Amino acid sequence: MLSLVIERTHRGVTTLEVAKRAGISEAGLLYHYPSKEALLVAALALFDEREMSLLRPGEALETAPALAVAGVRRTNVVHLYASLLGEASNPDHPAHDYFKERWRISRASLARDITLLQEDGEVDPALDPNRAATLIIAAWDGLQNHWLVDPTFDIGAELRALIDAVLMRRPR
């Protein structure tokens, strides 16, 4: 499914195509994923698993701008993310729990990195790592939406500036 989304956009993919590519019937696919939306959420979760599993402690925060740039180069995945995020405000939507869990994991990863920077004396120990992580995630999503409207927008530079501001570090 993820490869089809990357190739053709989430709107251009059908459950029948996914089933054929997987070598199963459409009914068999819908048994495991009861809707196209559930299947799209699974595709995003797979994308996250591939991207986030490569990060070791201390890397999430420093690599965030590069990850943002690499992420928007996969335009169709970004469009899927933004589309599902808009629908996820409904607690009954399959993406609702996905985003809550994604943000929990991302917040924990970024907060861990901020704590490591605090222990190294690079960030003020009075800064609340969880609050800072929440602000970074919220801004990242907003910057990504800005990029969707204006692809000339330098998401990497702006995210780096935002992280430095939240952490109260001098811009690099």
Protein backbone atom coordinates (compact mmCIF):
# COMPACT_ATOMS: atom_id res chain seq x y z
CA MET A 1 0.00 0.00 0.00
CA LEU A 2 2.71 2.46 0.93
CA SER A 3 4.46 2.00 -2.40
CA LEU A 4 1.17 2.63 -4.23
CA VAL A 5 0.59 5.81 -2.23
CA ILE A 6 4.11 7.00 -3.01
CA GLU A 7 3.60 6.23 -6.70
CA ARG A 8 0.07 7.51 -7.24
CA THR A 9 -1.32 9.44 -4.21
CA HIS A 10 -3.72 8.12 -1.62
CA ARG A 11 -6.71 9.34 -3.61
CA GLY A 12 -5.61 7.38 -6.68
CA VAL A 13 -5.27 4.03 -4.92
CA THR A 14 -8.09 1.51 -4.59
CA THR A 15 -8.45 -1.40 -2.22
CA LEU A 16 -8.73 -3.69 -5.24
CA GLU A 17 -5.28 -2.57 -6.48
CA VAL A 18 -3.78 -3.09 -3.04
CA ALA A 19 -5.32 -6.55 -2.80
CA LYS A 20 -4.01 -7.51 -6.24
CA ARG A 21 -0.52 -6.31 -5.38
CA ALA A 22 -0.66 -8.26 -2.11
CA GLY A 23 -1.85 -11.37 -3.92
CA ILE A 24 -5.12 -11.67 -2.03
CA SER A 25 -8.77 -10.99 -2.76
CA GLU A 26 -10.29 -7.61 -2.03
CA ALA A 27 -12.58 -9.32 0.49
CA GLY A 28 -9.53 -10.82 2.21
CA LEU A 29 -7.90 -7.40 2.38
CA LEU A 30 -11.03 -5.80 3.79
CA TYR A 31 -11.22 -8.52 6.43
CA HIS A 32 -7.91 -7.26 7.84
CA TYR A 33 -8.44 -3.57 7.02
CA PRO A 34 -12.16 -2.81 7.15
CA SER A 35 -11.88 0.41 5.13
CA LYS A 36 -9.59 2.24 2.76
CA GLU A 37 -8.92 4.74 5.57
CA ALA A 38 -7.74 1.94 7.88
CA LEU A 39 -5.43 0.75 5.12
CA LEU A 40 -4.06 4.27 4.63
CA VAL A 41 -3.39 4.56 8.36
CA ALA A 42 -1.47 1.28 8.19
CA ALA A 43 0.59 2.71 5.30
CA LEU A 44 1.49 5.77 7.39
CA ALA A 45 2.34 3.59 10.36
CA LEU A 46 4.67 1.54 8.15
CA PHE A 47 6.31 4.73 6.89
CA ASP A 48 6.83 5.91 10.48
CA GLU A 49 8.22 2.55 11.54
CA ARG A 50 10.79 2.65 8.75
CA GLU A 51 11.80 6.25 9.44
CA MET A 52 11.76 6.34 13.23
CA SER A 53 13.26 2.93 13.88
CA LEU A 54 16.59 4.16 12.51
CA LEU A 55 16.95 6.85 15.17
CA ARG A 56 19.04 6.24 18.26
CA PRO A 57 18.79 8.28 21.49
CA GLY A 58 20.12 11.76 20.87
CA GLU A 59 19.40 11.74 17.12
CA ALA A 60 15.72 12.68 16.81
CA LEU A 61 16.14 16.34 17.62
CA GLU A 62 19.31 16.92 15.63
CA THR A 63 18.10 15.10 12.56
CA ALA A 64 14.58 16.63 12.62
CA PRO A 65 15.30 19.31 9.98
CA ALA A 66 16.85 16.77 7.61
CA LEU A 67 13.94 14.38 8.23
CA ALA A 68 11.50 17.19 7.47
CA VAL A 69 13.24 17.91 4.16
CA ALA A 70 13.38 14.22 3.25
CA GLY A 71 9.75 13.80 4.27
CA VAL A 72 8.39 16.52 2.02
CA ARG A 73 10.31 15.05 -0.91
CA ARG A 74 7.85 12.19 -0.57
CA THR A 75 5.05 14.55 -1.51
CA ASN A 76 2.33 11.91 -1.73
CA VAL A 77 3.06 10.69 1.81
CA VAL A 78 2.87 14.28 3.09
CA HIS A 79 -0.48 14.75 1.35
CA LEU A 80 -1.76 11.54 2.93
CA TYR A 81 -0.51 12.63 6.38
CA ALA A 82 -2.18 16.05 6.09
CA SER A 83 -5.42 14.56 4.80
CA LEU A 84 -5.69 11.97 7.55
CA LEU A 85 -4.66 14.47 10.20
CA GLY A 86 -7.62 16.65 9.26
CA GLU A 87 -9.99 13.71 9.57
CA ALA A 88 -8.41 12.35 12.77
CA SER A 89 -10.13 14.93 14.95
CA ASN A 90 -13.13 12.59 14.81
CA PRO A 91 -12.57 9.97 17.55
CA ASP A 92 -14.29 7.35 15.36
CA HIS A 93 -11.88 7.80 12.45
CA PRO A 94 -9.20 5.09 12.08
CA ALA A 95 -6.47 7.76 12.13
CA HIS A 96 -7.50 9.19 15.52
CA ASP A 97 -5.63 6.68 17.66
CA TYR A 98 -2.76 6.51 15.18
CA PHE A 99 -2.01 10.23 15.57
CA LYS A 100 -2.38 10.14 19.35
CA GLU A 101 0.13 7.30 19.54
CA ARG A 102 2.45 8.85 16.94
CA TRP A 103 2.58 12.10 18.89
CA ARG A 104 3.14 10.23 22.17
CA ILE A 105 6.11 8.38 20.69
CA SER A 106 7.49 11.49 18.98
CA ARG A 107 7.08 13.58 22.12
CA ALA A 108 8.88 10.97 24.22
CA SER A 109 11.73 10.72 21.69
CA LEU A 110 12.21 14.48 21.45
CA ALA A 111 11.85 14.97 25.23
CA ARG A 112 14.51 12.29 25.76
CA ASP A 113 16.86 14.15 23.43
CA ILE A 114 16.16 17.47 25.16
CA THR A 115 16.90 15.85 28.53
CA LEU A 116 20.22 14.56 27.15
CA LEU A 117 21.08 18.10 26.00
CA GLN A 118 20.17 19.39 29.45
CA GLU A 119 22.45 16.82 31.07
CA ASP A 120 25.26 17.94 28.73
CA GLY A 121 24.71 21.56 29.74
CA GLU A 122 23.59 22.61 26.24
CA VAL A 123 20.00 23.46 27.20
CA ASP A 124 18.64 25.23 30.28
CA PRO A 125 17.61 22.61 32.87
CA ALA A 126 14.54 24.71 33.71
CA LEU A 127 13.04 23.99 30.27
CA ASP A 128 10.26 21.40 30.45
CA PRO A 129 11.31 18.73 27.91
CA ASN A 130 7.76 17.48 27.32
CA ARG A 131 6.36 20.95 26.71
CA ALA A 132 9.25 21.81 24.39
CA ALA A 133 8.74 18.55 22.48
CA THR A 134 5.03 19.27 22.14
CA LEU A 135 5.75 22.73 20.71
CA ILE A 136 8.26 21.32 18.24
CA ILE A 137 5.84 18.65 17.00
CA ALA A 138 2.99 21.15 16.63
CA ALA A 139 5.21 23.59 14.75
CA TRP A 140 6.62 20.81 12.55
CA ASP A 141 3.10 19.86 11.45
CA GLY A 142 2.34 23.52 10.77
CA LEU A 143 5.55 24.04 8.82
CA GLN A 144 4.78 20.95 6.77
CA ASN A 145 1.37 22.38 5.88
CA HIS A 146 3.07 25.65 4.92
CA TRP A 147 5.34 23.66 2.60
CA LEU A 148 2.33 21.89 1.05
CA VAL A 149 0.96 25.27 -0.01
CA ASP A 150 4.35 26.71 -1.00
CA PRO A 151 6.97 24.07 -1.95
CA THR A 152 9.65 26.78 -2.21
CA PHE A 153 9.41 27.15 1.58
CA ASP A 154 12.60 25.94 3.29
CA ILE A 155 11.11 23.62 5.89
CA GLY A 156 14.51 22.40 7.10
CA ALA A 157 15.84 25.89 7.86
CA GLU A 158 12.61 26.98 9.50
CA LEU A 159 12.37 23.87 11.65
CA ARG A 160 16.01 24.29 12.72
CA ALA A 161 15.29 27.93 13.69
CA LEU A 162 12.17 26.86 15.56
CA ILE A 163 14.01 24.14 17.51
CA ASP A 164 16.77 26.58 18.44
CA ALA A 165 14.17 29.12 19.59
CA VAL A 166 12.24 26.60 21.68
CA LEU A 167 15.46 25.33 23.25
CA MET A 168 16.66 28.91 23.69
CA ARG A 169 19.86 28.19 21.77
CA ARG A 170 21.69 30.59 19.53
CA PRO A 171 20.78 30.10 15.86
CA ARG A 172 23.34 28.11 13.89
